[in-house]
Amino acid sequence: MKNVLAAACLAAAAGLATAQLTTINGSGTVNGNGNTGFGGVIGPGTLDIETLSDGTVNMTVTRGAEFFNQMVIYIDTGLGGFNTTANLNDTGDGGRIIASGANGGGQSVINFASGFNASHAVSFESGFIGVFELVENGAHNFAATANGSGFASSDPTITISFNLAEIGLAAGDSFDIVANYFNAFDGGGPFRSDEWFGANIAGGNTGQATVDLDADSFIRVNSIPTPGGAALLAMGGLVVSRRRR
């Protein structure tokens, strides 16, 4: 069963591809924001999210146009993190460049929505997809392999998998995400498209300019608790999520 916040359905019916705020309870599907600045790769695409009781998180991107460039998913675990990418400057390899939004030619800064503090990033590049714990003014910490073989640009879907324990959480915890498709390796600095999951920015690529995301420009994921945790919840037991708001 795939559960999507009712507001997301209403927004889709009104011609908006992603609602603010979209919530996924356990598992569900999120539409892209409908923009096509890079030819319609994720803007008209979908992101399927599945959480399991052992803490596994599976995500599948179903693309529109071919996936020639890169994508980043920023994750807010509620355990620290940063409201801007301005001080992310690790360019040690492709995955770190994608996570930082910076390369030798410059940086494209994202200022996240109020209350969203990115603690981790999933970097999508053709040869490898990895999860990094973000570090300001230093080297990001490699957290997990999400897809060791990466993807081919012609793949209709791209699937990743990691465990909540690898980002400091446990089954039943909630987390927030927002994702952008962009050219991380452009010689003048990363060049961002207007194609997002979780953000309803106006059409038109933002390129190398600073991106300011509006309030609630992210997706909240409430993961499935462990069977024991679910039983405690049903009995009215005290089960306290690590997530704090």
C-alpha atoms as a PDB file:
ATOM      1  CA  MET A   1       0.000   0.000   0.000  1.00  0.00           C
ATOM      2  CA  LYS A   2       1.287   3.409  -0.892  1.00  0.00           C
ATOM      3  CA  ASN A   3       0.135   6.288   1.264  1.00  0.00           C
ATOM      4  CA  VAL A   4       0.460   9.881   0.084  1.00  0.00           C
ATOM      5  CA  LEU A   5      -0.700  12.911   2.010  1.00  0.00           C
ATOM      6  CA  ALA A   6      -4.134  13.983   0.777  1.00  0.00           C
ATOM      7  CA  ALA A   7      -2.833  17.467   0.093  1.00  0.00           C
ATOM      8  CA  ALA A   8      -0.362  16.041  -2.399  1.00  0.00           C
ATOM      9  CA  CYS A   9      -3.234  14.508  -4.343  1.00  0.00           C
ATOM     10  CA  LEU A  10      -5.154  17.766  -4.325  1.00  0.00           C
ATOM     11  CA  ALA A  11      -2.093  19.674  -5.533  1.00  0.00           C
ATOM     12  CA  ALA A  12      -1.518  17.178  -8.314  1.00  0.00           C
ATOM     13  CA  ALA A  13      -5.122  17.587  -9.405  1.00  0.00           C
ATOM     14  CA  ALA A  14      -4.532  21.346  -9.526  1.00  0.00           C
ATOM     15  CA  GLY A  15      -1.509  20.878 -11.787  1.00  0.00           C
ATOM     16  CA  LEU A  16       1.205  21.002  -9.103  1.00  0.00           C
ATOM     17  CA  ALA A  17       3.418  17.946  -9.035  1.00  0.00           C
ATOM     18  CA  THR A  18       4.661  18.094  -5.450  1.00  0.00           C
ATOM     19  CA  ALA A  19       2.778  19.526  -2.478  1.00  0.00           C
ATOM     20  CA  GLN A  20       4.310  21.463   0.395  1.00  0.00           C
ATOM     21  CA  LEU A  21       4.492  19.765   2.885  1.00  0.00           C
ATOM     22  CA  THR A  22       4.319  16.169   1.583  1.00  0.00           C
ATOM     23  CA  THR A  23       4.342  13.376   4.167  1.00  0.00           C
ATOM     24  CA  ILE A  24       5.033   9.698   3.556  1.00  0.00           C
ATOM     25  CA  ASN A  25       3.834   7.282   6.218  1.00  0.00           C
ATOM     26  CA  GLY A  26       5.838   4.086   5.880  1.00  0.00           C
ATOM     27  CA  SER A  27       5.805   3.906   2.089  1.00  0.00           C
ATOM     28  CA  GLY A  28       4.542   6.068  -0.746  1.00  0.00           C
ATOM     29  CA  THR A  29       5.195   7.848  -4.002  1.00  0.00           C
ATOM     30  CA  VAL A  30       6.120  11.495  -4.546  1.00  0.00           C
ATOM     31  CA  ASN A  31       5.849  13.250  -7.900  1.00  0.00           C
ATOM     32  CA  GLY A  32       8.516  15.603  -9.188  1.00  0.00           C
ATOM     33  CA  ASN A  33       7.717  19.303  -9.305  1.00  0.00           C
ATOM     34  CA  GLY A  34       6.785  19.177 -12.994  1.00  0.00           C
ATOM     35  CA  ASN A  35       9.590  21.449 -14.228  1.00  0.00           C
ATOM     36  CA  THR A  36      11.612  20.446 -17.291  1.00  0.00           C
ATOM     37  CA  GLY A  37      14.637  22.741 -17.314  1.00  0.00           C
ATOM     38  CA  PHE A  38      17.023  19.838 -17.964  1.00  0.00           C
ATOM     39  CA  GLY A  39      14.690  18.134 -20.425  1.00  0.00           C
ATOM     40  CA  GLY A  40      12.323  16.597 -17.886  1.00  0.00           C
ATOM     41  CA  VAL A  41      14.442  14.084 -15.971  1.00  0.00           C
ATOM     42  CA  ILE A  42      12.985  14.161 -12.439  1.00  0.00           C
ATOM     43  CA  GLY A  43      10.523  17.052 -12.797  1.00  0.00           C
ATOM     44  CA  PRO A  44       7.930  14.791 -14.440  1.00  0.00           C
ATOM     45  CA  GLY A  45       9.327  11.717 -12.686  1.00  0.00           C
ATOM     46  CA  THR A  46       8.445   9.950  -9.464  1.00  0.00           C
ATOM     47  CA  LEU A  47      10.244   8.963  -6.274  1.00  0.00           C
ATOM     48  CA  ASP A  48       9.014   5.779  -4.575  1.00  0.00           C
ATOM     49  CA  ILE A  49       9.959   5.496  -0.903  1.00  0.00           C
ATOM     50  CA  GLU A  50       9.690   2.301   1.135  1.00  0.00           C
ATOM     51  CA  THR A  51      10.692   1.852   4.772  1.00  0.00           C
ATOM     52  CA  LEU A  52      10.928  -1.555   6.433  1.00  0.00           C
ATOM     53  CA  SER A  53      10.671  -2.634  10.052  1.00  0.00           C
ATOM     54  CA  ASP A  54      14.396  -3.488  10.191  1.00  0.00           C
ATOM     55  CA  GLY A  55      15.299   0.131   9.369  1.00  0.00           C
ATOM     56  CA  THR A  56      15.933  -0.411   5.656  1.00  0.00           C
ATOM     57  CA  VAL A  57      15.042   2.505   3.384  1.00  0.00           C
ATOM     58  CA  ASN A  58      14.499   1.770  -0.320  1.00  0.00           C
ATOM     59  CA  MET A  59      14.012   4.540  -2.863  1.00  0.00           C
ATOM     60  CA  THR A  60      13.359   4.265  -6.595  1.00  0.00           C
ATOM     61  CA  VAL A  61      13.587   7.167  -9.030  1.00  0.00           C
ATOM     62  CA  THR A  62      11.526   6.709 -12.184  1.00  0.00           C
ATOM     63  CA  ARG A  63      12.883   9.242 -14.640  1.00  0.00           C
ATOM     64  CA  GLY A  64      11.448  11.103 -17.591  1.00  0.00           C
ATOM     65  CA  ALA A  65      14.283  12.053 -19.966  1.00  0.00           C
ATOM     66  CA  GLU A  66      17.641  10.273 -19.801  1.00  0.00           C
ATOM     67  CA  PHE A  67      19.662  10.702 -16.607  1.00  0.00           C
ATOM     68  CA  PHE A  68      22.808  12.253 -18.087  1.00  0.00           C
ATOM     69  CA  ASN A  69      23.805  14.369 -15.077  1.00  0.00           C
ATOM     70  CA  GLN A  70      23.757  13.966 -11.292  1.00  0.00           C
ATOM     71  CA  MET A  71      21.285  14.170  -8.420  1.00  0.00           C
ATOM     72  CA  VAL A  72      21.573  14.837  -4.719  1.00  0.00           C
ATOM     73  CA  ILE A  73      19.112  13.916  -1.981  1.00  0.00           C
ATOM     74  CA  TYR A  74      19.672  15.919   1.196  1.00  0.00           C
ATOM     75  CA  ILE A  75      18.519  14.248   4.424  1.00  0.00           C
ATOM     76  CA  ASP A  76      17.589  15.957   7.683  1.00  0.00           C
ATOM     77  CA  THR A  77      17.776  13.370  10.458  1.00  0.00           C
ATOM     78  CA  GLY A  78      16.945  15.862  13.192  1.00  0.00           C
ATOM     79  CA  LEU A  79      20.375  15.210  14.692  1.00  0.00           C
ATOM     80  CA  GLY A  80      22.396  18.317  13.876  1.00  0.00           C
ATOM     81  CA  GLY A  81      22.950  19.377  10.282  1.00  0.00           C
ATOM     82  CA  PHE A  82      23.138  22.631   8.362  1.00  0.00           C
ATOM     83  CA  ASN A  83      20.483  25.005   6.988  1.00  0.00           C
ATOM     84  CA  THR A  84      22.760  25.988   4.089  1.00  0.00           C
ATOM     85  CA  THR A  85      25.359  24.331   1.885  1.00  0.00           C
ATOM     86  CA  ALA A  86      27.486  27.502   1.869  1.00  0.00           C
ATOM     87  CA  ASN A  87      30.219  25.973   4.043  1.00  0.00           C
ATOM     88  CA  LEU A  88      30.301  22.565   2.363  1.00  0.00           C
ATOM     89  CA  ASN A  89      33.556  22.560   0.427  1.00  0.00           C
ATOM     90  CA  ASP A  90      34.711  18.924   0.212  1.00  0.00           C
ATOM     91  CA  THR A  91      35.557  18.225  -3.448  1.00  0.00           C
ATOM     92  CA  GLY A  92      37.669  15.130  -2.841  1.00  0.00           C
ATOM     93  CA  ASP A  93      35.784  12.930  -5.328  1.00  0.00           C
ATOM     94  CA  GLY A  94      32.632  12.901  -7.441  1.00  0.00           C
ATOM     95  CA  GLY A  95      30.295  11.923  -4.625  1.00  0.00           C
ATOM     96  CA  ARG A  96      31.661  14.651  -2.364  1.00  0.00           C
ATOM     97  CA  ILE A  97      31.386  17.267  -5.115  1.00  0.00           C
ATOM     98  CA  ILE A  98      27.715  16.332  -5.545  1.00  0.00           C
ATOM     99  CA  ALA A  99      27.100  16.485  -1.780  1.00  0.00           C
ATOM    100  CA  SER A 100      28.833  19.868  -1.451  1.00  0.00           C
ATOM    101  CA  GLY A 101      27.420  21.437  -4.596  1.00  0.00           C
ATOM    102  CA  ALA A 102      30.930  22.735  -5.191  1.00  0.00           C
ATOM    103  CA  ASN A 103      33.794  22.002  -7.563  1.00  0.00           C
ATOM    104  CA  GLY A 104      36.963  23.708  -8.741  1.00  0.00           C
ATOM    105  CA  GLY A 105      34.949  26.200 -10.768  1.00  0.00           C
ATOM    106  CA  GLY A 106      32.751  27.444  -7.933  1.00  0.00           C
ATOM    107  CA  GLN A 107      29.712  26.578  -5.832  1.00  0.00           C
ATOM    108  CA  SER A 108      25.936  26.658  -6.160  1.00  0.00           C
ATOM    109  CA  VAL A 109      24.565  27.272  -2.660  1.00  0.00           C
ATOM    110  CA  ILE A 110      21.224  25.957  -1.409  1.00  0.00           C
ATOM    111  CA  ASN A 111      19.609  27.697   1.553  1.00  0.00           C
ATOM    112  CA  PHE A 112      17.133  25.130   2.815  1.00  0.00           C
ATOM    113  CA  ALA A 113      13.618  25.695   4.109  1.00  0.00           C
ATOM    114  CA  SER A 114      13.249  26.920   7.658  1.00  0.00           C
ATOM    115  CA  GLY A 115      13.569  23.956  10.016  1.00  0.00           C
ATOM    116  CA  PHE A 116      15.417  21.758   7.491  1.00  0.00           C
ATOM    117  CA  ASN A 117      19.009  21.071   8.486  1.00  0.00           C
ATOM    118  CA  ALA A 118      20.832  18.725   6.133  1.00  0.00           C
ATOM    119  CA  SER A 119      22.937  16.205   8.027  1.00  0.00           C
ATOM    120  CA  HIS A 120      23.487  13.718   5.184  1.00  0.00           C
ATOM    121  CA  ALA A 121      23.447  13.607   1.397  1.00  0.00           C
ATOM    122  CA  VAL A 122      22.929  10.807  -1.107  1.00  0.00           C
ATOM    123  CA  SER A 123      25.105  11.467  -4.177  1.00  0.00           C
ATOM    124  CA  PHE A 124      23.901   9.984  -7.483  1.00  0.00           C
ATOM    125  CA  GLU A 125      26.565   9.594 -10.165  1.00  0.00           C
ATOM    126  CA  SER A 126      26.744   7.067 -12.972  1.00  0.00           C
ATOM    127  CA  GLY A 127      29.397   4.822 -11.425  1.00  0.00           C
ATOM    128  CA  PHE A 128      28.423   4.952  -7.745  1.00  0.00           C
ATOM    129  CA  ILE A 129      25.708   6.119  -5.353  1.00  0.00           C
ATOM    130  CA  GLY A 130      26.806   6.801  -1.795  1.00  0.00           C
ATOM    131  CA  VAL A 131      25.573   8.340   1.450  1.00  0.00           C
ATOM    132  CA  PHE A 132      27.715  10.959   3.169  1.00  0.00           C
ATOM    133  CA  GLU A 133      27.506  12.579   6.586  1.00  0.00           C
ATOM    134  CA  LEU A 134      28.000  16.268   5.864  1.00  0.00           C
ATOM    135  CA  VAL A 135      30.867  18.230   7.424  1.00  0.00           C
ATOM    136  CA  GLU A 136      31.292  21.985   7.108  1.00  0.00           C
ATOM    137  CA  ASN A 137      34.743  23.215   6.085  1.00  0.00           C
ATOM    138  CA  GLY A 138      36.147  19.692   6.013  1.00  0.00           C
ATOM    139  CA  ALA A 139      35.877  16.231   4.533  1.00  0.00           C
ATOM    140  CA  HIS A 140      32.459  14.601   4.556  1.00  0.00           C
ATOM    141  CA  ASN A 141      32.246  11.252   6.325  1.00  0.00           C
ATOM    142  CA  PHE A 142      31.342   8.334   4.080  1.00  0.00           C
ATOM    143  CA  ALA A 143      28.330   6.656   5.689  1.00  0.00           C
ATOM    144  CA  ALA A 144      27.078   3.918   3.361  1.00  0.00           C
ATOM    145  CA  THR A 145      26.923   2.510  -0.129  1.00  0.00           C
ATOM    146  CA  ALA A 146      23.434   3.000  -1.520  1.00  0.00           C
ATOM    147  CA  ASN A 147      24.096   1.477  -4.957  1.00  0.00           C
ATOM    148  CA  GLY A 148      27.640   0.376  -5.711  1.00  0.00           C
ATOM    149  CA  SER A 149      27.215   0.109  -9.478  1.00  0.00           C
ATOM    150  CA  GLY A 150      25.409   3.411  -9.925  1.00  0.00           C
ATOM    151  CA  PHE A 151      23.312   3.619 -13.073  1.00  0.00           C
ATOM    152  CA  ALA A 152      23.350   4.068 -16.832  1.00  0.00           C
ATOM    153  CA  SER A 153      21.748   7.203 -18.245  1.00  0.00           C
ATOM    154  CA  SER A 154      19.268   5.052 -20.155  1.00  0.00           C
ATOM    155  CA  ASP A 155      18.055   3.126 -17.092  1.00  0.00           C
ATOM    156  CA  PRO A 156      14.326   3.854 -16.705  1.00  0.00           C
ATOM    157  CA  THR A 157      14.585   3.506 -12.922  1.00  0.00           C
ATOM    158  CA  ILE A 158      17.361   4.012 -10.380  1.00  0.00           C
ATOM    159  CA  THR A 159      17.114   2.221  -7.045  1.00  0.00           C
ATOM    160  CA  ILE A 160      19.005   2.880  -3.821  1.00  0.00           C
ATOM    161  CA  SER A 161      18.954   1.221  -0.412  1.00  0.00           C
ATOM    162  CA  PHE A 162      20.488   2.040   2.966  1.00  0.00           C
ATOM    163  CA  ASN A 163      19.694   1.458   6.622  1.00  0.00           C
ATOM    164  CA  LEU A 164      18.571   4.126   9.059  1.00  0.00           C
ATOM    165  CA  ALA A 165      21.300   2.985  11.451  1.00  0.00           C
ATOM    166  CA  GLU A 166      23.846   4.187   8.885  1.00  0.00           C
ATOM    167  CA  ILE A 167      22.593   7.766   9.321  1.00  0.00           C
ATOM    168  CA  GLY A 168      22.190   7.625  13.093  1.00  0.00           C
ATOM    169  CA  LEU A 169      18.510   6.711  13.255  1.00  0.00           C
ATOM    170  CA  ALA A 170      16.452   3.636  14.099  1.00  0.00           C
ATOM    171  CA  ALA A 171      13.362   1.981  12.654  1.00  0.00           C
ATOM    172  CA  GLY A 172      10.339   4.113  13.495  1.00  0.00           C
ATOM    173  CA  ASP A 173      12.248   7.403  13.370  1.00  0.00           C
ATOM    174  CA  SER A 174      11.221  10.119  10.931  1.00  0.00           C
ATOM    175  CA  PHE A 175      13.433  12.101   8.588  1.00  0.00           C
ATOM    176  CA  ASP A 176      13.060  14.775   5.922  1.00  0.00           C
ATOM    177  CA  ILE A 177      14.440  14.859   2.376  1.00  0.00           C
ATOM    178  CA  VAL A 178      14.691  17.193  -0.611  1.00  0.00           C
ATOM    179  CA  ALA A 179      16.329  16.370  -3.958  1.00  0.00           C
ATOM    180  CA  ASN A 180      17.707  18.292  -6.949  1.00  0.00           C
ATOM    181  CA  TYR A 181      18.932  17.207 -10.390  1.00  0.00           C
ATOM    182  CA  PHE A 182      21.955  19.175 -11.642  1.00  0.00           C
ATOM    183  CA  ASN A 183      25.277  19.178 -13.461  1.00  0.00           C
ATOM    184  CA  ALA A 184      27.710  18.851 -10.571  1.00  0.00           C
ATOM    185  CA  PHE A 185      30.787  18.880 -12.787  1.00  0.00           C
ATOM    186  CA  ASP A 186      30.166  21.979 -14.931  1.00  0.00           C
ATOM    187  CA  GLY A 187      33.441  23.864 -15.373  1.00  0.00           C
ATOM    188  CA  GLY A 188      32.011  27.144 -14.112  1.00  0.00           C
ATOM    189  CA  GLY A 189      30.688  25.540 -10.939  1.00  0.00           C
ATOM    190  CA  PRO A 190      27.724  23.209 -10.373  1.00  0.00           C
ATOM    191  CA  PHE A 191      24.732  24.200 -12.527  1.00  0.00           C
ATOM    192  CA  ARG A 192      21.326  23.429 -11.004  1.00  0.00           C
ATOM    193  CA  SER A 193      18.159  22.599 -12.882  1.00  0.00           C
ATOM    194  CA  ASP A 194      14.681  23.642 -11.797  1.00  0.00           C
ATOM    195  CA  GLU A 195      13.791  19.953 -11.351  1.00  0.00           C
ATOM    196  CA  TRP A 196      13.242  18.860  -7.753  1.00  0.00           C
ATOM    197  CA  PHE A 197      11.564  16.335  -5.520  1.00  0.00           C
ATOM    198  CA  GLY A 198      10.035  18.134  -2.549  1.00  0.00           C
ATOM    199  CA  ALA A 199      10.390  21.757  -3.711  1.00  0.00           C
ATOM    200  CA  ASN A 200       7.946  23.796  -5.806  1.00  0.00           C
ATOM    201  CA  ILE A 201      10.368  26.379  -7.177  1.00  0.00           C
ATOM    202  CA  ALA A 202       9.330  28.475 -10.163  1.00  0.00           C
ATOM    203  CA  GLY A 203      10.289  27.205 -13.610  1.00  0.00           C
ATOM    204  CA  GLY A 204      13.694  28.183 -14.966  1.00  0.00           C
ATOM    205  CA  ASN A 205      17.060  26.671 -14.110  1.00  0.00           C
ATOM    206  CA  THR A 206      18.836  28.397 -11.233  1.00  0.00           C
ATOM    207  CA  GLY A 207      22.246  27.528 -12.645  1.00  0.00           C
ATOM    208  CA  GLN A 208      25.113  28.661 -10.418  1.00  0.00           C
ATOM    209  CA  ALA A 209      23.000  31.130  -8.432  1.00  0.00           C
ATOM    210  CA  THR A 210      22.057  30.685  -4.775  1.00  0.00           C
ATOM    211  CA  VAL A 211      18.784  28.801  -4.308  1.00  0.00           C
ATOM    212  CA  ASP A 212      16.481  29.866  -1.460  1.00  0.00           C
ATOM    213  CA  LEU A 213      13.885  27.196  -0.718  1.00  0.00           C
ATOM    214  CA  ASP A 214      10.473  28.185   0.588  1.00  0.00           C
ATOM    215  CA  ALA A 215       8.939  26.985   3.840  1.00  0.00           C
ATOM    216  CA  ASP A 216       8.008  23.287   3.879  1.00  0.00           C
ATOM    217  CA  SER A 217      10.097  22.580   0.759  1.00  0.00           C
ATOM    218  CA  PHE A 218      10.894  19.025   1.739  1.00  0.00           C
ATOM    219  CA  ILE A 219       9.307  15.611   2.155  1.00  0.00           C
ATOM    220  CA  ARG A 220       8.724  14.111   5.596  1.00  0.00           C
ATOM    221  CA  VAL A 221       9.142  10.351   5.863  1.00  0.00           C
ATOM    222  CA  ASN A 222       7.725   8.561   8.899  1.00  0.00           C
ATOM    223  CA  SER A 223       9.420   5.188   8.855  1.00  0.00           C
ATOM    224  CA  ILE A 224       7.878   1.886   9.927  1.00  0.00           C
ATOM    225  CA  PRO A 225       8.753   1.018  13.546  1.00  0.00           C
ATOM    226  CA  THR A 226      10.156  -2.344  14.569  1.00  0.00           C
ATOM    227  CA  PRO A 227       7.468  -4.951  15.331  1.00  0.00           C
ATOM    228  CA  GLY A 228       8.202  -4.574  19.049  1.00  0.00           C
ATOM    229  CA  GLY A 229       7.969  -0.801  18.783  1.00  0.00           C
ATOM    230  CA  ALA A 230       4.654  -1.051  16.955  1.00  0.00           C
ATOM    231  CA  ALA A 231       3.298  -3.277  19.699  1.00  0.00           C
ATOM    232  CA  LEU A 232       4.316  -0.774  22.351  1.00  0.00           C
ATOM    233  CA  LEU A 233       2.616   2.002  20.421  1.00  0.00           C
ATOM    234  CA  ALA A 234      -0.559  -0.031  20.162  1.00  0.00           C
ATOM    235  CA  MET A 235      -0.490  -0.650  23.923  1.00  0.00           C
ATOM    236  CA  GLY A 236       0.038   3.010  24.666  1.00  0.00           C
ATOM    237  CA  GLY A 237       3.646   2.429  25.732  1.00  0.00           C
ATOM    238  CA  LEU A 238       6.222   5.157  25.810  1.00  0.00           C
ATOM    239  CA  VAL A 239       8.073   5.009  22.525  1.00  0.00           C
ATOM    240  CA  VAL A 240      10.030   8.196  21.942  1.00  0.00           C
ATOM    241  CA  SER A 241      11.365   8.899  18.463  1.00  0.00           C
ATOM    242  CA  ARG A 242      14.849  10.305  18.106  1.00  0.00           C
ATOM    243  CA  ARG A 243      13.339  12.854  15.792  1.00  0.00           C
ATOM    244  CA  ARG A 244      12.766  16.162  17.523  1.00  0.00           C
ATOM    245  CA  ARG A 245      10.891  19.173  16.212  1.00  0.00           C
END
